[in-house]
């Protein structure tokens, strides 16, 4: 019975390690996705700000 109990414990420990690795990988993917989304939002905001600057410059030139 000792051999069977040891095998069960070994399998259980292995399954827990695999489970932990999968959860960790999922967390990394989620973190990277959040990072990419944030970068995209920053780029969009920068592009909008530049558009407003250019529009304001053109409007200012037209006033002169």
N, C-alpha and C. Protein backbone atom coordinates (compact mmCIF):
# COMPACT_ATOMS: atom_id res chain seq x y z
N UNK A 1 0.82 -1.18 0.00
CA UNK A 1 0.00 0.00 0.00
C UNK A 1 0.87 1.26 0.00
N UNK A 2 2.03 1.21 0.55
CA UNK A 2 2.89 2.38 0.61
C UNK A 2 3.25 2.89 -0.76
N UNK A 3 3.52 1.94 -1.69
CA UNK A 3 3.89 2.33 -3.05
C UNK A 3 2.74 3.07 -3.73
N UNK A 4 1.52 2.57 -3.54
CA UNK A 4 0.35 3.20 -4.14
C UNK A 4 0.09 4.58 -3.55
N UNK A 5 0.25 4.71 -2.26
CA UNK A 5 0.06 6.01 -1.62
C UNK A 5 1.11 7.01 -2.10
N UNK A 6 2.36 6.55 -2.24
CA UNK A 6 3.42 7.42 -2.74
C UNK A 6 3.12 7.87 -4.17
N UNK A 7 2.64 6.96 -4.98
CA UNK A 7 2.31 7.29 -6.37
C UNK A 7 1.18 8.30 -6.42
N UNK A 8 0.18 8.13 -5.58
CA UNK A 8 -0.93 9.08 -5.54
C UNK A 8 -0.45 10.47 -5.14
N UNK A 9 0.40 10.52 -4.15
CA UNK A 9 0.94 11.80 -3.68
C UNK A 9 1.79 12.46 -4.77
N UNK A 10 2.57 11.66 -5.46
CA UNK A 10 3.41 12.18 -6.54
C UNK A 10 2.55 12.74 -7.66
N UNK A 11 1.51 12.02 -8.02
CA UNK A 11 0.61 12.47 -9.08
C UNK A 11 -0.12 13.74 -8.64
N UNK A 12 -0.54 13.77 -7.38
CA UNK A 12 -1.23 14.95 -6.86
C UNK A 12 -0.31 16.17 -6.89
N UNK A 13 0.93 15.99 -6.46
CA UNK A 13 1.88 17.10 -6.46
C UNK A 13 2.16 17.58 -7.89
N UNK A 14 2.29 16.64 -8.80
CA UNK A 14 2.51 17.00 -10.20
C UNK A 14 1.33 17.76 -10.78
N UNK A 15 0.14 17.32 -10.46
CA UNK A 15 -1.06 17.99 -10.96
C UNK A 15 -1.16 19.41 -10.40
N UNK A 16 -0.79 19.58 -9.14
CA UNK A 16 -0.81 20.92 -8.53
C UNK A 16 0.21 21.84 -9.20
N UNK A 17 1.38 21.30 -9.53
CA UNK A 17 2.40 22.11 -10.20
C UNK A 17 1.93 22.52 -11.59
N UNK A 18 1.31 21.60 -12.29
CA UNK A 18 0.78 21.92 -13.62
C UNK A 18 -0.32 22.97 -13.51
N UNK A 19 -1.19 22.80 -12.55
CA UNK A 19 -2.27 23.76 -12.34
C UNK A 19 -1.71 25.15 -12.04
N UNK A 20 -0.71 25.20 -11.16
CA UNK A 20 -0.08 26.48 -10.83
C UNK A 20 0.57 27.11 -12.06
N UNK A 21 1.22 26.30 -12.87
CA UNK A 21 1.88 26.81 -14.08
C UNK A 21 0.86 27.36 -15.07
N UNK A 22 -0.26 26.68 -15.20
CA UNK A 22 -1.31 27.14 -16.11
C UNK A 22 -1.89 28.46 -15.63
N UNK A 23 -2.15 28.57 -14.34
CA UNK A 23 -2.69 29.81 -13.78
C UNK A 23 -1.69 30.95 -13.94
N UNK A 24 -0.44 30.67 -13.71
CA UNK A 24 0.60 31.68 -13.86
C UNK A 24 0.71 32.14 -15.31
N UNK A 25 0.66 31.22 -16.22
CA UNK A 25 0.72 31.57 -17.65
C UNK A 25 -0.49 32.41 -18.04
N UNK A 26 -1.65 32.05 -17.54
CA UNK A 26 -2.85 32.82 -17.83
C UNK A 26 -2.73 34.24 -17.28
N UNK A 27 -2.18 34.36 -16.08
CA UNK A 27 -1.98 35.69 -15.49
C UNK A 27 -1.01 36.52 -16.33
N UNK A 28 0.04 35.89 -16.82
CA UNK A 28 1.01 36.60 -17.66
C UNK A 28 0.36 37.09 -18.95
N UNK A 29 -0.45 36.24 -19.55
CA UNK A 29 -1.14 36.63 -20.79
C UNK A 29 -2.08 37.80 -20.52
N UNK A 30 -2.82 37.73 -19.42
CA UNK A 30 -3.74 38.81 -19.06
C UNK A 30 -2.97 40.10 -18.82
N UNK A 31 -1.85 40.02 -18.11
CA UNK A 31 -1.04 41.20 -17.85
C UNK A 31 -0.53 41.81 -19.16
N UNK A 32 -0.07 40.97 -20.06
CA UNK A 32 0.44 41.46 -21.35
C UNK A 32 -0.68 42.09 -22.15
N UNK A 33 -1.85 41.48 -22.14
CA UNK A 33 -3.01 42.03 -22.85
C UNK A 33 -3.37 43.41 -22.29
N UNK A 34 -3.38 43.52 -20.97
CA UNK A 34 -3.68 44.81 -20.34
C UNK A 34 -2.63 45.86 -20.74
N UNK A 35 -1.38 45.44 -20.80
CA UNK A 35 -0.30 46.35 -21.18
C UNK A 35 -0.47 46.84 -22.62
N UNK A 36 -0.79 45.92 -23.52
CA UNK A 36 -0.98 46.29 -24.92
C UNK A 36 -2.18 47.22 -25.08
N UNK A 37 -3.26 46.94 -24.36
CA UNK A 37 -4.44 47.81 -24.42
C UNK A 37 -4.10 49.21 -23.91
N UNK A 38 -3.36 49.28 -22.81
CA UNK A 38 -2.99 50.58 -22.26
C UNK A 38 -2.11 51.35 -23.23
N UNK A 39 -1.16 50.67 -23.87
CA UNK A 39 -0.30 51.32 -24.85
C UNK A 39 -1.13 51.85 -26.02
N UNK A 40 -2.10 51.09 -26.46
CA UNK A 40 -2.96 51.52 -27.56
C UNK A 40 -3.77 52.74 -27.17
N UNK A 41 -4.27 52.76 -25.94
CA UNK A 41 -5.04 53.91 -25.48
C UNK A 41 -4.17 55.16 -25.41
N UNK A 42 -2.93 54.99 -24.97
CA UNK A 42 -2.00 56.12 -24.90
C UNK A 42 -1.72 56.65 -26.31
N UNK A 43 -1.46 55.75 -27.23
CA UNK A 43 -1.19 56.17 -28.61
C UNK A 43 -2.39 56.88 -29.21
N UNK A 44 -3.58 56.40 -28.93
CA UNK A 44 -4.80 57.03 -29.43
C UNK A 44 -4.93 58.43 -28.85
N UNK A 45 -4.70 58.55 -27.55
CA UNK A 45 -4.80 59.87 -26.90
C UNK A 45 -3.77 60.83 -27.46
N UNK A 46 -2.55 60.34 -27.69
CA UNK A 46 -1.51 61.19 -28.27
C UNK A 46 -1.89 61.64 -29.68
N UNK A 47 -2.44 60.74 -30.46
CA UNK A 47 -2.86 61.07 -31.82
C UNK A 47 -3.98 62.11 -31.80
N UNK A 48 -4.93 61.95 -30.89
CA UNK A 48 -6.03 62.91 -30.78
C UNK A 48 -5.50 64.28 -30.35
N UNK A 49 -4.55 64.29 -29.40
CA UNK A 49 -3.97 65.55 -28.95
C UNK A 49 -3.23 66.24 -30.10
N UNK A 50 -2.49 65.49 -30.88
CA UNK A 50 -1.77 66.06 -32.02
C UNK A 50 -2.77 66.60 -33.05
N UNK A 51 -3.84 65.91 -33.27
CA UNK A 51 -4.87 66.36 -34.20
C UNK A 51 -5.45 67.69 -33.74
N UNK A 52 -5.73 67.81 -32.48
CA UNK A 52 -6.29 69.05 -31.94
C UNK A 52 -5.27 70.18 -32.08
N UNK A 53 -4.00 69.91 -31.79
CA UNK A 53 -2.95 70.92 -31.95
C UNK A 53 -2.89 71.42 -33.39
N UNK A 54 -2.89 70.48 -34.33
CA UNK A 54 -2.82 70.86 -35.74
C UNK A 54 -4.04 71.67 -36.16
N UNK A 55 -5.20 71.24 -35.72
CA UNK A 55 -6.43 71.97 -36.05
C UNK A 55 -6.39 73.38 -35.48
N UNK A 56 -5.92 73.50 -34.24
CA UNK A 56 -5.81 74.82 -33.61
C UNK A 56 -4.82 75.71 -34.36
N UNK A 57 -3.71 75.14 -34.80
CA UNK A 57 -2.73 75.91 -35.55
C UNK A 57 -3.32 76.41 -36.86
N UNK A 58 -4.05 75.55 -37.55
CA UNK A 58 -4.68 75.95 -38.81
C UNK A 58 -5.71 77.04 -38.57
N UNK A 59 -6.51 76.87 -37.55
CA UNK A 59 -7.52 77.88 -37.23
C UNK A 59 -6.86 79.21 -36.87
N UNK A 60 -5.77 79.15 -36.14
CA UNK A 60 -5.04 80.36 -35.76
C UNK A 60 -4.47 81.05 -37.01
N UNK A 61 -3.93 80.27 -37.93
CA UNK A 61 -3.39 80.84 -39.17
C UNK A 61 -4.50 81.49 -40.00
N UNK A 62 -5.67 80.89 -40.02
CA UNK A 62 -6.79 81.44 -40.77
C UNK A 62 -7.29 82.76 -40.15
N UNK A 63 -7.14 82.91 -38.88
CA UNK A 63 -7.56 84.14 -38.20
C UNK A 63 -6.65 85.30 -38.53
N UNK A 64 -5.41 85.01 -38.81
CA UNK A 64 -4.43 86.08 -39.10
C UNK A 64 -4.58 86.62 -40.44
